[in-house]
């Protein structure tokens, strides 16, 4: 698992900069929420991969897992959305993702994604 302090460092690194004067962790976090897919995995290098909806284990793969963070983008009928981030591991060979504990949940009254 990625410790919380490393996760926050990773978010700042994905932003490509440190905090600016007057910024808080929350404003940086909002900016950092880059979503390319409704279900995605971000490895420790910042590479983003989609999580296949049919995320099934490949029984003949000799898995090599890398750690990272997964995210689910859940769109609501009222125009709002929820982003659920969780610890995850992804096989670099077949793409299978193991989902771990929830890290955070962000609720948007109006979906900006």
C-alpha atoms as a PDB file:
ATOM      1  CA  UNK A   1       0.000   0.000   0.000  1.00  0.00           C
ATOM      2  CA  UNK A   2       1.062   3.581  -0.636  1.00  0.00           C
ATOM      3  CA  UNK A   3       1.284   5.569   2.618  1.00  0.00           C
ATOM      4  CA  UNK A   4      -0.894   8.698   2.703  1.00  0.00           C
ATOM      5  CA  UNK A   5       2.099  11.052   2.787  1.00  0.00           C
ATOM      6  CA  UNK A   6       3.510   9.437  -0.375  1.00  0.00           C
ATOM      7  CA  UNK A   7       0.117   9.628  -2.054  1.00  0.00           C
ATOM      8  CA  UNK A   8      -0.043  13.382  -1.437  1.00  0.00           C
ATOM      9  CA  UNK A   9       3.542  13.760  -2.696  1.00  0.00           C
ATOM     10  CA  UNK A  10       2.564  11.774  -5.787  1.00  0.00           C
ATOM     11  CA  UNK A  11      -0.383  14.106  -6.411  1.00  0.00           C
ATOM     12  CA  UNK A  12       1.912  17.147  -6.209  1.00  0.00           C
ATOM     13  CA  UNK A  13       4.381  15.442  -8.540  1.00  0.00           C
ATOM     14  CA  UNK A  14       1.627  14.689 -11.065  1.00  0.00           C
ATOM     15  CA  UNK A  15       0.776  18.375 -10.938  1.00  0.00           C
ATOM     16  CA  UNK A  16       4.387  19.085 -11.884  1.00  0.00           C
ATOM     17  CA  UNK A  17       4.882  21.756  -9.232  1.00  0.00           C
ATOM     18  CA  UNK A  18       4.831  22.506  -5.512  1.00  0.00           C
ATOM     19  CA  UNK A  19       2.135  24.478  -3.720  1.00  0.00           C
ATOM     20  CA  UNK A  20       1.853  28.117  -4.741  1.00  0.00           C
ATOM     21  CA  UNK A  21       1.321  30.831  -2.151  1.00  0.00           C
ATOM     22  CA  UNK A  22      -2.292  30.784  -0.985  1.00  0.00           C
ATOM     23  CA  UNK A  23      -2.985  27.286  -2.285  1.00  0.00           C
ATOM     24  CA  UNK A  24      -4.166  24.587   0.046  1.00  0.00           C
ATOM     25  CA  UNK A  25      -3.942  20.856  -0.311  1.00  0.00           C
ATOM     26  CA  UNK A  26      -7.639  20.865  -1.276  1.00  0.00           C
ATOM     27  CA  UNK A  27      -7.214  23.287  -4.188  1.00  0.00           C
ATOM     28  CA  UNK A  28      -4.220  21.343  -5.467  1.00  0.00           C
ATOM     29  CA  UNK A  29      -6.145  18.113  -5.094  1.00  0.00           C
ATOM     30  CA  UNK A  30      -9.038  19.480  -7.173  1.00  0.00           C
ATOM     31  CA  UNK A  31      -6.635  20.531  -9.919  1.00  0.00           C
ATOM     32  CA  UNK A  32      -4.879  17.162  -9.789  1.00  0.00           C
ATOM     33  CA  UNK A  33      -8.030  15.159 -10.407  1.00  0.00           C
ATOM     34  CA  UNK A  34      -7.180  14.325 -13.980  1.00  0.00           C
ATOM     35  CA  UNK A  35      -9.609  11.771 -15.312  1.00  0.00           C
ATOM     36  CA  UNK A  36      -8.995  10.220 -18.690  1.00  0.00           C
ATOM     37  CA  UNK A  37     -11.339   7.275 -18.062  1.00  0.00           C
ATOM     38  CA  UNK A  38     -14.369   6.584 -15.854  1.00  0.00           C
ATOM     39  CA  UNK A  39     -12.313   3.783 -14.257  1.00  0.00           C
ATOM     40  CA  UNK A  40      -8.572   4.298 -14.237  1.00  0.00           C
ATOM     41  CA  UNK A  41      -5.314   3.228 -12.591  1.00  0.00           C
ATOM     42  CA  UNK A  42      -2.404   5.612 -12.005  1.00  0.00           C
ATOM     43  CA  UNK A  43       0.951   4.003 -11.273  1.00  0.00           C
ATOM     44  CA  UNK A  44       3.704   5.505  -9.123  1.00  0.00           C
ATOM     45  CA  UNK A  45       5.297   7.039 -12.245  1.00  0.00           C
ATOM     46  CA  UNK A  46       2.071   8.916 -13.055  1.00  0.00           C
ATOM     47  CA  UNK A  47       1.122   6.731 -16.039  1.00  0.00           C
ATOM     48  CA  UNK A  48      -2.646   6.409 -16.456  1.00  0.00           C
ATOM     49  CA  UNK A  49      -4.328   3.204 -17.658  1.00  0.00           C
ATOM     50  CA  UNK A  50      -8.032   2.388 -18.104  1.00  0.00           C
ATOM     51  CA  UNK A  51      -9.518  -0.291 -15.852  1.00  0.00           C
ATOM     52  CA  UNK A  52     -11.511  -2.622 -18.067  1.00  0.00           C
ATOM     53  CA  UNK A  53     -15.128  -3.099 -16.992  1.00  0.00           C
ATOM     54  CA  UNK A  54     -14.574  -6.832 -17.504  1.00  0.00           C
ATOM     55  CA  UNK A  55     -11.566  -6.769 -15.166  1.00  0.00           C
ATOM     56  CA  UNK A  56     -11.104 -10.542 -14.977  1.00  0.00           C
ATOM     57  CA  UNK A  57      -7.940 -12.307 -13.915  1.00  0.00           C
ATOM     58  CA  UNK A  58      -5.969 -13.989 -16.697  1.00  0.00           C
ATOM     59  CA  UNK A  59      -5.332 -17.477 -15.291  1.00  0.00           C
ATOM     60  CA  UNK A  60      -2.284 -18.198 -17.476  1.00  0.00           C
ATOM     61  CA  UNK A  61      -0.463 -14.938 -16.734  1.00  0.00           C
ATOM     62  CA  UNK A  62       2.586 -14.982 -14.459  1.00  0.00           C
ATOM     63  CA  UNK A  63       1.533 -11.664 -12.892  1.00  0.00           C
ATOM     64  CA  UNK A  64       3.916  -8.813 -12.153  1.00  0.00           C
ATOM     65  CA  UNK A  65       2.046  -6.250 -10.065  1.00  0.00           C
ATOM     66  CA  UNK A  66       2.863  -2.563  -9.735  1.00  0.00           C
ATOM     67  CA  UNK A  67       1.364  -0.340  -7.034  1.00  0.00           C
ATOM     68  CA  UNK A  68      -0.695   2.757  -7.638  1.00  0.00           C
ATOM     69  CA  UNK A  69      -4.056   4.399  -7.149  1.00  0.00           C
ATOM     70  CA  UNK A  70      -7.337   3.529  -8.823  1.00  0.00           C
ATOM     71  CA  UNK A  71     -10.261   5.866  -9.382  1.00  0.00           C
ATOM     72  CA  UNK A  72     -13.929   5.337 -10.227  1.00  0.00           C
ATOM     73  CA  UNK A  73     -15.877   8.239 -11.748  1.00  0.00           C
ATOM     74  CA  UNK A  74     -19.560   7.708 -10.966  1.00  0.00           C
ATOM     75  CA  UNK A  75     -21.941   9.993 -12.861  1.00  0.00           C
ATOM     76  CA  UNK A  76     -25.339  10.716 -11.282  1.00  0.00           C
ATOM     77  CA  UNK A  77     -28.593  11.470 -13.128  1.00  0.00           C
ATOM     78  CA  UNK A  78     -28.848  14.919 -11.469  1.00  0.00           C
ATOM     79  CA  UNK A  79     -25.590  16.077 -13.125  1.00  0.00           C
ATOM     80  CA  UNK A  80     -23.429  15.472 -10.063  1.00  0.00           C
ATOM     81  CA  UNK A  81     -20.650  12.916  -9.767  1.00  0.00           C
ATOM     82  CA  UNK A  82     -18.547  11.051  -7.238  1.00  0.00           C
ATOM     83  CA  UNK A  83     -14.859  10.165  -7.560  1.00  0.00           C
ATOM     84  CA  UNK A  84     -13.788   7.224  -5.410  1.00  0.00           C
ATOM     85  CA  UNK A  85     -10.026   6.726  -5.125  1.00  0.00           C
ATOM     86  CA  UNK A  86      -8.558   3.480  -3.809  1.00  0.00           C
ATOM     87  CA  UNK A  87      -5.239   1.723  -3.385  1.00  0.00           C
ATOM     88  CA  UNK A  88      -4.643  -0.672  -6.247  1.00  0.00           C
ATOM     89  CA  UNK A  89      -2.172  -2.950  -7.952  1.00  0.00           C
ATOM     90  CA  UNK A  90      -2.057  -3.592 -11.699  1.00  0.00           C
ATOM     91  CA  UNK A  91      -0.407  -6.444 -13.569  1.00  0.00           C
ATOM     92  CA  UNK A  92       2.025  -4.930 -16.062  1.00  0.00           C
ATOM     93  CA  UNK A  93       1.566  -7.963 -18.342  1.00  0.00           C
ATOM     94  CA  UNK A  94      -2.198  -8.536 -18.618  1.00  0.00           C
ATOM     95  CA  UNK A  95      -3.663  -5.360 -17.048  1.00  0.00           C
ATOM     96  CA  UNK A  96      -5.608  -7.122 -14.275  1.00  0.00           C
ATOM     97  CA  UNK A  97      -6.265  -4.718 -11.362  1.00  0.00           C
ATOM     98  CA  UNK A  98      -6.577  -5.649  -7.691  1.00  0.00           C
ATOM     99  CA  UNK A  99      -8.594  -3.033  -5.821  1.00  0.00           C
ATOM    100  CA  UNK A 100      -7.668  -2.234  -2.221  1.00  0.00           C
ATOM    101  CA  UNK A 101      -8.974   0.028   0.511  1.00  0.00           C
ATOM    102  CA  UNK A 102     -10.706   3.316  -0.272  1.00  0.00           C
ATOM    103  CA  UNK A 103      -8.464   6.379   0.044  1.00  0.00           C
ATOM    104  CA  UNK A 104     -10.932   9.171  -0.551  1.00  0.00           C
ATOM    105  CA  UNK A 105     -14.327  10.101  -1.933  1.00  0.00           C
ATOM    106  CA  UNK A 106     -14.944  13.419  -3.701  1.00  0.00           C
ATOM    107  CA  UNK A 107     -18.502  14.601  -4.372  1.00  0.00           C
ATOM    108  CA  UNK A 108     -19.209  17.273  -6.986  1.00  0.00           C
ATOM    109  CA  UNK A 109     -22.630  18.973  -7.114  1.00  0.00           C
ATOM    110  CA  UNK A 110     -22.018  19.605 -10.839  1.00  0.00           C
ATOM    111  CA  UNK A 111     -19.777  17.171 -12.686  1.00  0.00           C
ATOM    112  CA  UNK A 112     -16.703  19.025 -14.051  1.00  0.00           C
ATOM    113  CA  UNK A 113     -15.405  15.968 -15.904  1.00  0.00           C
END
